[in-house]
Amino acid sequence: LVMEKGTALAVPAIRAAYTKLLPALQTCREVEDQVELLQREITPLIVEAEEQEQPADVLSFRKSLVAASGVNIHYENKLRQLLPETFVSMRSPSEFYEWVCTEGRKNKGNSTLSGQMRIQKIKREYPEIHELHVHITELQEQLEADETYKKITALQKKIHGQEKAIQYMKSALDGGKNMTEQKRENTEVKLTENEESLPVLKEQLQQLIDSCELAKEYDQVKEKLQNIAEETGLGDAREDLKQSNKEAGSSSKISGSTFEDMSYNAVLHLIAPKYCTEEELQILNAGQIAQSKAPTVCHILHSATLGMHGAEIDYIMVRGTRTSESKLPENTLEEYLNNLILKKDRGRKVEKGNCISESFIVDKVLAVIECKANARDILHNVPRMQTMLSWLTGDNAKKESYDKDAFFHETWNTSYFTNGLFNKPTGMVCTRTNTQWIFPSADCFSEFSRESDGFFKKNLYYISKKGKIGLPAGTSRKILLHCIFKDILLDELESKAEEIEEVRQWALESFEDFDRNYRAATKLKDDVFSIRVVPFHTFGDEEYEEDSDNDV
């Protein structure tokens, strides 16, 4: 949006002013002092840009301008600053009950929960819906053991596959300008055969259905349930909820990616200076990683998977040497470049019209950074971060002296690391700079090691926007949804202590041990860094208050 509105000149000017102001911002003891500085030094530049552009949507314009120029209120602490005064334990019936009631009051306006309650109220009003659901479940169990029904499902799959094949062949014939005459002839023959045999298969299917009383009864009950759903508004309620969830999912995805983008500036301004030389920092700030002549550079890589088992690092700070300056034997380097970039990263698109401009060998990973817009979700990440580092470093040996809450990986077999160990080169592509980065071995992570208590603590950072560490927002949502599924509506929670206790037992069985995660977080509190980022243009907005009603 910034570039479209022609503010290409305003962005560098604001970024330059902001960078110059950073030392003063970092000496501020209070956030309010940062705001005052930014208002005095930066706001006039933003206002000037707004006056030049005269945008219809000033807020949207300012958001884009501030995000592009990196202007945020951000400050660094240790993880202890994000710990709450009290932590809700799922193992305590009274604490869990109070927490569920509080969460229910806070989230009555949540669209997903409201939509599910609407559905539940309809089911209450029309008990026959539940009876039909029970009947359908019983029929499904009986059908699974019925030989005729097995034939029906097999034939249905065959018909579905044949219909898709017919559609595909028609499309191929319509658009096959480069198709050889022989191939066209063969395709037309196969299409005719499939079209002629399809009615026969459908007739056979109908005969099987007619001969299966269970299948006919199942279809009748299903049709009756659909009719009731239309009559009672249940169908509309479900469709509205589906649409609401889709919109919420898209919004959450955009919000998450936007916060990660926003966090890049905090990494660049607060973390990079700790690890980079002055020359390395200049190259990094200028975005001239590939173009510079320096043999060794520092870089910030985003969304690094490195072939790990279902894990990803939001930001990873590395120091690397150009492959042209590498002392690796030529045949080893060639083998790396041919084999190490995993399938997922091979497919990553670099900027249009460009190709990989430079390759680097990672000498050291300097810092690992996780971004969580809501600090509550850090609790979910603590064991994952520790487990991931145990795999990346190869330090997975348990010792009696280690704390019982330290984390280790079980097995991380993947299609690339077939024996579950980080024992061969991996890598990734940086789309920001069109460069690729080679991680030769676990030695890259030599800056990370277990402390005497078994935890990884050094060079770890969490970046968040609001909230305190607590039960993750996603967990809260699932628990409240489970209450509704169990016919405990949010405005009835306080009178349903016994039912909530059943929900607590379900939660203990369904979720990871958050009590252990919290104990681990308290043991990391004085060593792991915490950075708070608040977009300057939103400071003071309700959206960024500690106790937002939109946590779920």
Protein backbone atom coordinates (compact mmCIF):
# COMPACT_ATOMS: atom_id res chain seq x y z
CA LEU A 1 0.00 0.00 0.00
CA VAL A 2 2.86 2.37 0.84
CA MET A 3 4.49 1.85 -2.56
CA GLU A 4 1.18 2.12 -4.39
CA LYS A 5 0.52 5.48 -2.78
CA GLY A 6 3.86 6.78 -3.99
CA THR A 7 5.50 7.26 -0.59
CA ALA A 8 8.77 5.62 -1.64
CA LEU A 9 10.63 8.77 -0.53
CA ALA A 10 8.84 9.06 2.82
CA VAL A 11 9.72 5.54 3.97
CA PRO A 12 13.54 5.91 3.81
CA ALA A 13 13.32 9.33 5.47
CA ILE A 14 11.26 7.99 8.38
CA ARG A 15 13.41 4.86 8.66
CA ALA A 16 16.57 6.99 8.75
CA ALA A 17 15.11 9.27 11.44
CA TYR A 18 13.95 6.25 13.44
CA THR A 19 17.35 4.52 13.21
CA LYS A 20 19.05 7.71 14.37
CA LEU A 21 16.61 7.91 17.30
CA LEU A 22 17.11 4.30 18.41
CA PRO A 23 19.94 4.89 20.94
CA ALA A 24 17.79 7.47 22.73
CA LEU A 25 14.72 5.19 22.61
CA GLN A 26 16.68 2.34 24.17
CA THR A 27 17.72 4.50 27.13
CA CYS A 28 14.09 5.31 27.97
CA ARG A 29 13.03 3.73 31.25
CA GLU A 30 9.32 3.98 30.55
CA VAL A 31 7.25 3.21 27.45
CA GLU A 32 5.60 6.61 27.83
CA ASP A 33 9.02 8.23 27.34
CA GLN A 34 9.42 6.31 24.08
CA VAL A 35 6.01 7.53 22.95
CA GLU A 36 6.95 11.14 23.74
CA LEU A 37 10.18 10.85 21.72
CA LEU A 38 8.41 9.23 18.77
CA GLN A 39 5.64 11.82 18.85
CA ARG A 40 8.20 14.62 18.79
CA GLU A 41 10.62 13.23 16.20
CA ILE A 42 8.64 10.85 14.00
CA THR A 43 5.00 11.97 13.99
CA PRO A 44 5.72 15.21 12.06
CA LEU A 45 7.32 13.14 9.26
CA ILE A 46 4.31 10.82 9.12
CA VAL A 47 1.88 13.75 9.09
CA GLU A 48 3.87 15.36 6.29
CA ALA A 49 3.65 12.17 4.25
CA GLU A 50 -0.08 11.98 4.92
CA GLU A 51 -0.58 15.57 3.78
CA GLN A 52 1.29 14.88 0.55
CA GLU A 53 -0.74 11.76 -0.23
CA GLN A 54 -4.12 12.78 1.22
CA PRO A 55 -5.18 9.13 1.58
CA ALA A 56 -8.84 8.22 1.98
CA ASP A 57 -8.03 5.82 4.83
CA VAL A 58 -5.53 7.59 7.10
CA LEU A 59 -5.31 4.70 9.60
CA SER A 60 -4.58 2.14 6.89
CA PHE A 61 -2.04 4.51 5.33
CA ARG A 62 -0.33 5.12 8.67
CA LYS A 63 -0.22 1.39 9.48
CA SER A 64 1.48 0.65 6.18
CA LEU A 65 3.87 3.61 6.46
CA VAL A 66 4.89 2.74 10.00
CA ALA A 67 5.28 -0.98 9.26
CA ALA A 68 7.42 -0.28 6.18
CA SER A 69 9.67 2.17 8.01
CA GLY A 70 10.01 -0.03 11.10
CA VAL A 71 8.66 2.43 13.66
CA ASN A 72 7.56 0.50 16.75
CA ILE A 73 7.67 0.94 20.48
CA HIS A 74 9.79 -1.99 21.56
CA TYR A 75 11.76 -2.79 24.66
CA GLU A 76 13.68 -5.76 25.99
CA ASN A 77 13.31 -7.63 29.26
CA LYS A 78 13.80 -11.14 30.52
CA LEU A 79 11.07 -13.77 30.37
CA ARG A 80 10.24 -13.08 34.03
CA GLN A 81 8.43 -9.90 32.90
CA LEU A 82 5.83 -12.01 31.11
CA LEU A 83 5.09 -14.34 34.03
CA PRO A 84 1.66 -13.74 35.62
CA GLU A 85 1.15 -13.16 39.33
CA THR A 86 -0.73 -16.45 39.48
CA PHE A 87 -0.94 -19.37 37.08
CA VAL A 88 -4.09 -21.43 36.61
CA SER A 89 -3.39 -25.12 37.13
CA MET A 90 -5.65 -27.62 35.40
CA ARG A 91 -4.88 -29.96 38.31
CA SER A 92 -6.77 -27.70 40.72
CA PRO A 93 -10.58 -28.09 40.43
CA SER A 94 -11.28 -24.72 42.09
CA GLU A 95 -8.71 -22.78 40.01
CA PHE A 96 -9.94 -24.39 36.80
CA TYR A 97 -13.58 -23.62 37.65
CA GLU A 98 -12.81 -19.94 38.34
CA TRP A 99 -10.70 -19.70 35.18
CA VAL A 100 -13.40 -21.23 32.93
CA CYS A 101 -16.03 -18.84 34.33
CA THR A 102 -13.73 -15.86 33.76
CA GLU A 103 -12.84 -16.97 30.22
CA GLY A 104 -16.53 -17.51 29.46
CA ARG A 105 -17.41 -13.95 30.56
CA LYS A 106 -14.53 -12.47 28.55
CA ASN A 107 -15.34 -14.32 25.35
CA LYS A 108 -19.12 -14.17 25.06
CA GLY A 109 -18.71 -11.98 21.98
CA ASN A 110 -16.40 -14.40 20.19
CA SER A 111 -18.00 -15.29 16.83
CA THR A 112 -17.03 -18.98 16.91
CA LEU A 113 -18.35 -19.52 20.43
CA SER A 114 -21.52 -17.50 19.76
CA GLY A 115 -22.17 -19.51 16.59
CA GLN A 116 -21.73 -22.81 18.41
CA MET A 117 -24.07 -21.67 21.21
CA ARG A 118 -26.70 -20.77 18.60
CA ILE A 119 -26.49 -24.34 17.27
CA GLN A 120 -26.67 -25.80 20.78
CA LYS A 121 -29.77 -23.76 21.64
CA ILE A 122 -31.55 -25.08 18.52
CA LYS A 123 -30.67 -28.65 19.53
CA ARG A 124 -32.07 -27.99 23.00
CA GLU A 125 -35.32 -26.68 21.55
CA TYR A 126 -35.69 -29.65 19.18
CA PRO A 127 -34.60 -32.83 21.07
CA GLU A 128 -35.55 -34.97 18.05
CA ILE A 129 -32.35 -33.71 16.35
CA HIS A 130 -30.27 -35.47 19.01
CA GLU A 131 -32.39 -38.61 18.72
CA LEU A 132 -31.83 -38.74 14.94
CA HIS A 133 -28.08 -38.22 15.43
CA VAL A 134 -28.00 -41.17 17.86
CA HIS A 135 -29.98 -43.29 15.37
CA ILE A 136 -27.59 -42.41 12.53
CA THR A 137 -24.58 -43.32 14.67
CA GLU A 138 -26.12 -46.72 15.47
CA LEU A 139 -26.88 -47.34 11.78
CA GLN A 140 -23.31 -46.37 10.80
CA GLU A 141 -21.91 -48.94 13.22
CA GLN A 142 -24.17 -51.63 11.77
CA LEU A 143 -23.35 -50.66 8.18
CA GLU A 144 -19.59 -50.95 8.81
CA ALA A 145 -20.10 -54.67 9.47
CA ASP A 146 -22.53 -55.23 6.57
CA GLU A 147 -21.01 -57.01 3.52
CA THR A 148 -23.48 -55.50 1.05
CA TYR A 149 -22.71 -51.99 2.29
CA LYS A 150 -18.98 -52.63 1.85
CA LYS A 151 -19.69 -53.40 -1.81
CA ILE A 152 -21.78 -50.21 -2.05
CA THR A 153 -18.98 -47.99 -0.73
CA ALA A 154 -16.41 -49.69 -3.00
CA LEU A 155 -18.63 -49.12 -6.04
CA GLN A 156 -19.30 -45.50 -5.02
CA LYS A 157 -15.55 -44.87 -4.94
CA LYS A 158 -15.13 -46.48 -8.34
CA ILE A 159 -17.92 -44.34 -9.85
CA HIS A 160 -16.48 -41.18 -8.30
CA GLY A 161 -13.04 -41.99 -9.71
CA GLN A 162 -14.48 -42.69 -13.16
CA GLU A 163 -16.43 -39.41 -13.19
CA LYS A 164 -13.24 -37.52 -12.36
CA ALA A 165 -11.38 -39.40 -15.12
CA ILE A 166 -14.06 -38.46 -17.65
CA GLN A 167 -13.86 -34.81 -16.63
CA TYR A 168 -10.05 -34.87 -16.88
CA MET A 169 -10.07 -36.49 -20.35
CA LYS A 170 -12.61 -33.96 -21.65
CA SER A 171 -10.47 -31.10 -20.39
CA ALA A 172 -7.37 -32.65 -21.96
CA LEU A 173 -9.10 -33.00 -25.34
CA ASP A 174 -10.49 -29.44 -25.22
CA GLY A 175 -7.17 -27.85 -24.33
CA GLY A 176 -4.73 -30.30 -25.86
CA LYS A 177 -3.38 -28.19 -28.72
CA ASN A 178 0.00 -29.91 -28.54
CA MET A 179 -1.48 -33.42 -28.18
CA THR A 180 -0.27 -35.91 -30.80
CA GLU A 181 -2.84 -37.50 -33.08
CA GLN A 182 -2.18 -40.93 -31.60
CA LYS A 183 -2.62 -39.69 -28.04
CA ARG A 184 -5.82 -37.88 -28.99
CA GLU A 185 -7.21 -41.07 -30.55
CA ASN A 186 -6.33 -43.14 -27.46
CA THR A 187 -7.90 -40.54 -25.14
CA GLU A 188 -11.11 -40.43 -27.18
CA VAL A 189 -11.39 -44.25 -27.08
CA LYS A 190 -10.90 -44.32 -23.31
CA LEU A 191 -13.40 -41.49 -22.86
CA THR A 192 -16.04 -43.37 -24.86
CA GLU A 193 -15.45 -46.58 -22.87
CA ASN A 194 -15.75 -44.74 -19.55
CA GLU A 195 -18.89 -42.83 -20.58
CA GLU A 196 -20.58 -46.05 -21.79
CA SER A 197 -19.71 -48.08 -18.67
CA LEU A 198 -20.70 -45.37 -16.16
CA PRO A 199 -24.52 -45.87 -16.44
CA VAL A 200 -24.01 -49.62 -15.98
CA LEU A 201 -22.03 -49.04 -12.78
CA LYS A 202 -24.67 -46.63 -11.47
CA GLU A 203 -27.40 -49.19 -12.17
CA GLN A 204 -25.42 -51.84 -10.28
CA LEU A 205 -25.04 -49.40 -7.38
CA GLN A 206 -28.78 -48.74 -7.25
CA GLN A 207 -29.50 -52.47 -7.24
CA LEU A 208 -27.14 -52.96 -4.29
CA ILE A 209 -28.75 -50.06 -2.40
CA ASP A 210 -32.25 -51.46 -3.09
CA SER A 211 -31.16 -54.84 -1.70
CA CYS A 212 -29.68 -53.33 1.50
CA GLU A 213 -32.39 -52.43 4.01
CA LEU A 214 -29.86 -50.83 6.36
CA ALA A 215 -28.60 -48.50 3.62
CA LYS A 216 -32.16 -47.47 2.72
CA GLU A 217 -32.98 -46.78 6.37
CA TYR A 218 -29.76 -44.80 6.77
CA ASP A 219 -30.59 -42.62 3.73
CA GLN A 220 -34.14 -42.04 5.04
CA VAL A 221 -32.93 -40.95 8.51
CA LYS A 222 -30.26 -38.76 6.94
CA GLU A 223 -32.85 -37.08 4.71
CA LYS A 224 -35.17 -36.56 7.68
CA LEU A 225 -32.32 -34.94 9.63
CA GLN A 226 -31.55 -32.61 6.72
CA ASN A 227 -35.21 -31.58 6.49
CA ILE A 228 -35.38 -30.80 10.22
CA ALA A 229 -32.13 -28.85 9.95
CA GLU A 230 -33.70 -26.65 7.26
CA GLU A 231 -36.97 -26.22 9.16
CA THR A 232 -35.34 -25.32 12.51
CA GLY A 233 -32.59 -23.05 11.13
CA LEU A 234 -29.87 -25.50 12.18
CA GLY A 235 -28.53 -25.69 8.63
CA ASP A 236 -28.26 -21.89 8.39
CA ALA A 237 -26.60 -21.72 11.82
CA ARG A 238 -24.01 -24.29 10.77
CA GLU A 239 -23.34 -22.48 7.49
CA ASP A 240 -22.94 -19.14 9.29
CA LEU A 241 -20.53 -20.73 11.77
CA LYS A 242 -18.53 -22.29 8.94
CA GLN A 243 -18.21 -18.91 7.23
CA SER A 244 -17.35 -17.19 10.49
CA ASN A 245 -14.61 -19.75 11.23
CA LYS A 246 -13.23 -19.32 7.73
CA GLU A 247 -13.03 -15.55 8.13
CA ALA A 248 -11.54 -15.85 11.62
CA GLY A 249 -8.95 -18.32 10.33
CA SER A 250 -7.93 -16.03 7.49
CA SER A 251 -7.79 -13.05 9.85
CA SER A 252 -5.68 -15.00 12.36
CA LYS A 253 -3.28 -16.13 9.64
CA ILE A 254 -2.89 -12.58 8.34
CA SER A 255 -2.47 -11.22 11.88
CA GLY A 256 0.19 -13.83 12.68
CA SER A 257 2.19 -13.19 9.54
CA THR A 258 1.83 -9.41 10.00
CA PHE A 259 3.20 -9.64 13.54
CA GLU A 260 6.15 -11.73 12.35
CA ASP A 261 6.88 -9.09 9.69
CA MET A 262 6.60 -6.38 12.32
CA SER A 263 8.92 -8.32 14.62
CA TYR A 264 11.67 -8.29 11.99
CA ASN A 265 12.37 -4.66 12.89
CA ALA A 266 12.79 -5.59 16.56
CA VAL A 267 15.22 -8.37 15.59
CA LEU A 268 17.14 -5.94 13.38
CA HIS A 269 17.29 -3.10 15.92
CA LEU A 270 17.49 -4.90 19.28
CA ILE A 271 19.05 -8.32 18.65
CA ALA A 272 21.35 -7.92 15.65
CA PRO A 273 23.57 -5.23 17.29
CA LYS A 274 24.46 -7.72 20.05
CA TYR A 275 25.99 -10.17 17.58
CA CYS A 276 27.12 -8.17 14.54
CA THR A 277 30.25 -6.14 13.94
CA GLU A 278 29.66 -2.57 12.76
CA GLU A 279 30.38 -3.58 9.15
CA GLU A 280 28.05 -6.61 9.35
CA LEU A 281 25.30 -4.42 10.78
CA GLN A 282 25.65 -1.86 8.00
CA ILE A 283 25.36 -4.58 5.32
CA LEU A 284 22.35 -6.12 7.10
CA ASN A 285 20.56 -2.77 7.48
CA ALA A 286 21.18 -1.94 3.83
CA GLY A 287 19.83 -5.32 2.69
CA GLN A 288 22.99 -5.84 0.64
CA ILE A 289 23.78 -9.39 1.79
CA ALA A 290 24.35 -10.76 -1.71
CA GLN A 291 25.73 -7.58 -3.27
CA SER A 292 28.38 -6.76 -0.66
CA LYS A 293 31.97 -7.88 -1.16
CA ALA A 294 32.40 -9.01 2.44
CA PRO A 295 33.44 -12.69 2.64
CA THR A 296 31.47 -13.17 5.88
CA VAL A 297 28.05 -11.67 6.66
CA CYS A 298 25.34 -11.82 9.31
CA HIS A 299 21.78 -12.41 8.24
CA ILE A 300 18.28 -12.85 9.70
CA LEU A 301 16.49 -15.87 8.18
CA HIS A 302 12.72 -16.23 8.40
CA SER A 303 10.63 -19.44 8.73
CA ALA A 304 13.50 -21.92 8.87
CA THR A 305 12.33 -25.55 8.78
CA LEU A 306 15.70 -27.18 7.96
CA GLY A 307 14.03 -30.52 7.38
CA MET A 308 12.93 -30.80 11.00
CA HIS A 309 10.03 -32.96 12.09
CA GLY A 310 7.03 -30.59 12.09
CA ALA A 311 9.03 -27.67 13.52
CA GLU A 312 9.85 -24.17 12.31
CA ILE A 313 11.97 -21.31 13.63
CA ASP A 314 10.34 -17.88 13.14
CA TYR A 315 13.68 -16.05 12.93
CA ILE A 316 17.18 -17.41 13.08
CA MET A 317 20.24 -15.14 13.15
CA VAL A 318 23.30 -16.58 11.43
CA ARG A 319 26.84 -15.70 10.43
CA GLY A 320 27.90 -17.25 7.14
CA THR A 321 30.71 -17.36 4.60
CA ARG A 322 30.19 -17.06 0.86
CA THR A 323 30.64 -20.38 -0.87
CA SER A 324 33.14 -18.65 -3.18
CA GLU A 325 35.25 -17.90 -0.10
CA SER A 326 34.69 -21.28 1.54
CA LYS A 327 37.61 -23.59 2.26
CA LEU A 328 35.47 -26.66 1.61
CA PRO A 329 36.77 -29.03 -1.10
CA GLU A 330 35.07 -28.29 -4.42
CA ASN A 331 33.47 -31.73 -4.70
CA THR A 332 32.03 -31.40 -1.15
CA LEU A 333 30.59 -27.97 -1.93
CA GLU A 334 29.08 -29.23 -5.18
CA GLU A 335 27.50 -32.15 -3.34
CA TYR A 336 26.02 -29.72 -0.77
CA LEU A 337 24.51 -27.47 -3.42
CA ASN A 338 23.05 -30.38 -5.37
CA ASN A 339 21.53 -32.30 -2.47
CA LEU A 340 20.96 -30.29 0.66
CA ILE A 341 18.05 -27.94 -0.16
CA LEU A 342 14.95 -29.85 0.83
CA LYS A 343 11.93 -30.29 -1.41
CA LYS A 344 9.87 -27.75 0.52
CA ASP A 345 12.54 -25.08 0.06
CA ARG A 346 13.36 -26.03 -3.52
CA GLY A 347 9.87 -24.92 -4.44
CA ARG A 348 10.09 -21.55 -2.72
CA LYS A 349 9.75 -18.72 -5.20
CA VAL A 350 12.36 -16.00 -5.19
CA GLU A 351 11.42 -12.49 -6.30
CA LYS A 352 9.97 -12.45 -9.79
CA GLY A 353 12.60 -12.22 -12.50
CA ASN A 354 15.41 -13.15 -10.11
CA CYS A 355 17.22 -16.35 -9.23
CA ILE A 356 19.48 -17.43 -6.38
CA SER A 357 22.08 -14.68 -6.38
CA GLU A 358 24.49 -16.04 -3.78
CA SER A 359 25.08 -19.08 -1.57
CA PHE A 360 26.50 -19.09 1.95
CA ILE A 361 27.83 -21.72 4.36
CA VAL A 362 26.49 -21.07 7.88
CA ASP A 363 29.43 -20.90 10.30
CA LYS A 364 27.36 -20.22 13.40
CA VAL A 365 23.76 -19.79 14.42
CA LEU A 366 23.84 -16.78 16.73
CA ALA A 367 20.27 -16.49 18.02
CA VAL A 368 16.88 -18.18 17.75
CA ILE A 369 13.76 -16.00 17.93
CA GLU A 370 10.11 -17.03 18.36
CA CYS A 371 7.27 -14.57 17.67
CA LYS A 372 3.98 -14.87 19.55
CA ALA A 373 1.51 -12.00 19.17
CA ASN A 374 -0.20 -13.20 22.36
CA ALA A 375 2.29 -14.06 25.11
CA ARG A 376 -0.13 -16.74 26.36
CA ASP A 377 1.03 -18.92 23.47
CA ILE A 378 4.64 -18.92 24.67
CA LEU A 379 3.64 -21.64 27.12
CA HIS A 380 2.85 -23.92 24.18
CA ASN A 381 6.23 -23.17 22.58
CA VAL A 382 8.56 -23.68 25.57
CA PRO A 383 8.79 -27.51 25.24
CA ARG A 384 8.92 -27.27 21.44
CA MET A 385 11.83 -24.82 21.49
CA GLN A 386 13.76 -26.95 23.98
CA THR A 387 13.04 -30.19 22.09
CA MET A 388 13.99 -28.59 18.78
CA LEU A 389 17.34 -27.39 20.16
CA SER A 390 18.08 -30.85 21.56
CA TRP A 391 17.74 -32.18 18.01
CA LEU A 392 19.61 -29.34 16.26
CA THR A 393 22.56 -29.55 18.67
CA GLY A 394 22.56 -33.34 18.93
CA ASP A 395 22.59 -32.93 22.73
CA ASN A 396 19.89 -35.39 23.70
CA ALA A 397 21.60 -37.40 26.46
CA LYS A 398 19.74 -37.42 29.78
CA LYS A 399 21.70 -37.03 33.01
CA GLU A 400 20.72 -37.59 36.62
CA SER A 401 21.81 -34.04 37.47
CA TYR A 402 19.32 -32.53 35.00
CA ASP A 403 16.05 -31.01 36.14
CA LYS A 404 13.10 -33.40 35.78
CA ASP A 405 11.31 -30.79 33.65
CA ALA A 406 14.05 -30.55 30.97
CA PHE A 407 12.92 -31.63 27.50
CA PHE A 408 14.42 -34.11 25.04
CA HIS A 409 13.34 -35.33 21.61
CA GLU A 410 12.04 -38.86 21.17
CA THR A 411 12.41 -39.61 17.47
CA TRP A 412 12.54 -37.17 14.58
CA ASN A 413 12.59 -39.39 11.51
CA THR A 414 11.74 -37.55 8.30
CA SER A 415 11.98 -38.34 4.60
CA TYR A 416 15.34 -36.51 4.59
CA PHE A 417 16.77 -37.39 8.01
CA THR A 418 15.82 -41.05 7.80
CA ASN A 419 17.58 -42.11 11.00
CA GLY A 420 16.16 -39.23 13.04
CA LEU A 421 19.49 -37.45 13.58
CA PHE A 422 20.80 -34.13 12.25
CA ASN A 423 23.72 -35.91 10.56
CA LYS A 424 23.80 -34.48 7.05
CA PRO A 425 23.67 -31.01 5.49
CA THR A 426 20.44 -29.10 5.25
CA GLY A 427 19.54 -25.59 4.20
CA MET A 428 17.00 -23.02 3.15
CA VAL A 429 16.31 -20.21 0.69
CA CYS A 430 15.92 -16.61 1.88
CA THR A 431 13.32 -15.02 -0.39
CA ARG A 432 14.02 -11.54 1.03
CA THR A 433 17.54 -11.53 -0.50
CA ASN A 434 17.32 -14.40 -3.03
CA THR A 435 20.15 -16.22 -1.26
CA GLN A 436 20.51 -19.80 -0.11
CA TRP A 437 22.06 -20.90 3.16
CA ILE A 438 23.80 -24.21 3.84
CA PHE A 439 23.81 -25.69 7.36
CA PRO A 440 26.56 -28.35 7.10
CA SER A 441 26.06 -30.05 10.48
CA ALA A 442 24.98 -29.69 14.11
CA ASP A 443 28.28 -27.84 14.70
CA CYS A 444 26.47 -24.72 13.37
CA PHE A 445 24.57 -24.68 16.67
CA SER A 446 27.66 -24.77 18.91
CA GLU A 447 26.53 -21.50 20.56
CA PHE A 448 23.61 -23.45 22.09
CA SER A 449 24.22 -25.95 24.87
CA ARG A 450 22.43 -27.30 27.91
CA GLU A 451 23.08 -25.57 31.22
CA SER A 452 23.82 -27.58 34.36
CA ASP A 453 20.07 -28.07 34.95
CA GLY A 454 19.52 -29.47 31.42
CA PHE A 455 17.79 -26.43 29.86
CA PHE A 456 18.88 -24.44 26.82
CA LYS A 457 18.89 -20.78 27.91
CA LYS A 458 21.41 -18.69 25.99
CA ASN A 459 20.69 -16.79 22.77
CA LEU A 460 16.92 -17.42 22.97
CA TYR A 461 14.36 -14.65 22.42
CA TYR A 462 10.58 -14.42 22.57
CA ILE A 463 8.87 -11.47 20.88
CA SER A 464 5.25 -10.70 21.84
CA LYS A 465 2.70 -7.94 21.45
CA LYS A 466 0.38 -8.33 24.43
CA GLY A 467 -0.61 -10.50 27.37
CA LYS A 468 1.17 -12.67 29.93
CA ILE A 469 2.25 -16.30 29.79
CA GLY A 470 -0.75 -18.53 30.53
CA LEU A 471 -2.92 -21.27 29.09
CA PRO A 472 -2.69 -20.76 25.31
CA ALA A 473 -5.51 -18.98 23.52
CA GLY A 474 -6.19 -22.02 21.32
CA THR A 475 -6.48 -24.26 24.38
CA SER A 476 -8.90 -21.84 26.01
CA ARG A 477 -11.04 -21.85 22.87
CA LYS A 478 -11.13 -25.67 22.73
CA ILE A 479 -12.12 -25.90 26.41
CA LEU A 480 -14.95 -23.38 26.03
CA LEU A 481 -16.14 -25.14 22.87
CA HIS A 482 -16.12 -28.46 24.72
CA CYS A 483 -18.28 -26.88 27.44
CA ILE A 484 -20.80 -25.85 24.76
CA PHE A 485 -20.69 -29.32 23.13
CA LYS A 486 -21.53 -30.72 26.58
CA ASP A 487 -24.55 -28.37 26.68
CA ILE A 488 -22.95 -25.93 29.15
CA LEU A 489 -23.61 -22.51 27.63
CA LEU A 490 -21.27 -19.64 28.54
CA ASP A 491 -23.93 -17.75 30.50
CA GLU A 492 -24.57 -20.90 32.61
CA LEU A 493 -20.97 -21.70 33.61
CA GLU A 494 -21.16 -20.45 37.21
CA SER A 495 -24.06 -22.81 38.02
CA LYS A 496 -22.41 -25.87 36.41
CA ALA A 497 -19.54 -26.71 38.78
CA GLU A 498 -20.03 -30.49 38.53
CA GLU A 499 -20.18 -30.44 34.72
CA ILE A 500 -17.08 -28.21 34.58
CA GLU A 501 -15.22 -30.76 36.69
CA GLU A 502 -15.94 -33.34 33.96
CA VAL A 503 -14.56 -30.87 31.42
CA ARG A 504 -11.41 -30.52 33.56
CA GLN A 505 -10.88 -34.28 33.56
CA TRP A 506 -11.27 -34.28 29.77
CA ALA A 507 -8.78 -31.38 29.46
CA LEU A 508 -6.16 -33.21 31.55
CA GLU A 509 -6.41 -36.18 29.21
CA SER A 510 -6.56 -34.12 26.00
CA PHE A 511 -3.81 -31.51 26.40
CA GLU A 512 -0.11 -31.45 27.14
CA ASP A 513 1.09 -30.92 30.70
CA PHE A 514 0.87 -27.12 30.93
CA ASP A 515 1.85 -27.23 34.60
CA ARG A 516 5.19 -28.71 33.56
CA ASN A 517 5.53 -26.16 30.74
CA TYR A 518 4.96 -23.33 33.23
CA ARG A 519 7.48 -24.75 35.69
CA ALA A 520 9.99 -24.86 32.81
CA ALA A 521 9.19 -21.23 31.89
CA THR A 522 9.88 -20.12 35.47
CA LYS A 523 13.28 -21.85 35.30
CA LEU A 524 14.12 -19.93 32.12
CA LYS A 525 12.83 -16.57 33.37
CA ASP A 526 16.19 -14.95 34.24
CA ASP A 527 18.11 -16.11 31.16
CA VAL A 528 15.79 -16.12 28.15
CA PHE A 529 15.07 -12.69 26.65
CA SER A 530 11.64 -11.22 26.09
CA ILE A 531 10.96 -8.35 23.68
CA ARG A 532 7.68 -6.47 23.61
CA VAL A 533 6.66 -4.86 20.32
CA VAL A 534 3.79 -2.38 20.04
CA PRO A 535 3.14 -0.73 16.65
CA PHE A 536 3.51 3.01 17.18
CA HIS A 537 0.29 3.87 15.32
CA THR A 538 -1.78 1.61 17.62
CA PHE A 539 -0.34 2.63 20.98
CA GLY A 540 -3.18 2.92 23.48
CA ASP A 541 -5.66 1.06 21.25
CA GLU A 542 -7.92 -1.45 22.99
CA GLU A 543 -6.63 -4.19 20.70
CA TYR A 544 -3.26 -4.05 22.45
CA GLU A 545 -4.42 -3.89 26.05
CA GLU A 546 -3.16 -6.69 28.33
CA ASP A 547 -6.61 -8.15 29.00
CA SER A 548 -8.17 -8.06 25.56
CA ASP A 549 -11.60 -9.63 25.14
CA ASN A 550 -10.43 -11.17 21.87
CA ASP A 551 -7.81 -13.53 23.34
CA VAL A 552 -9.66 -16.65 22.21
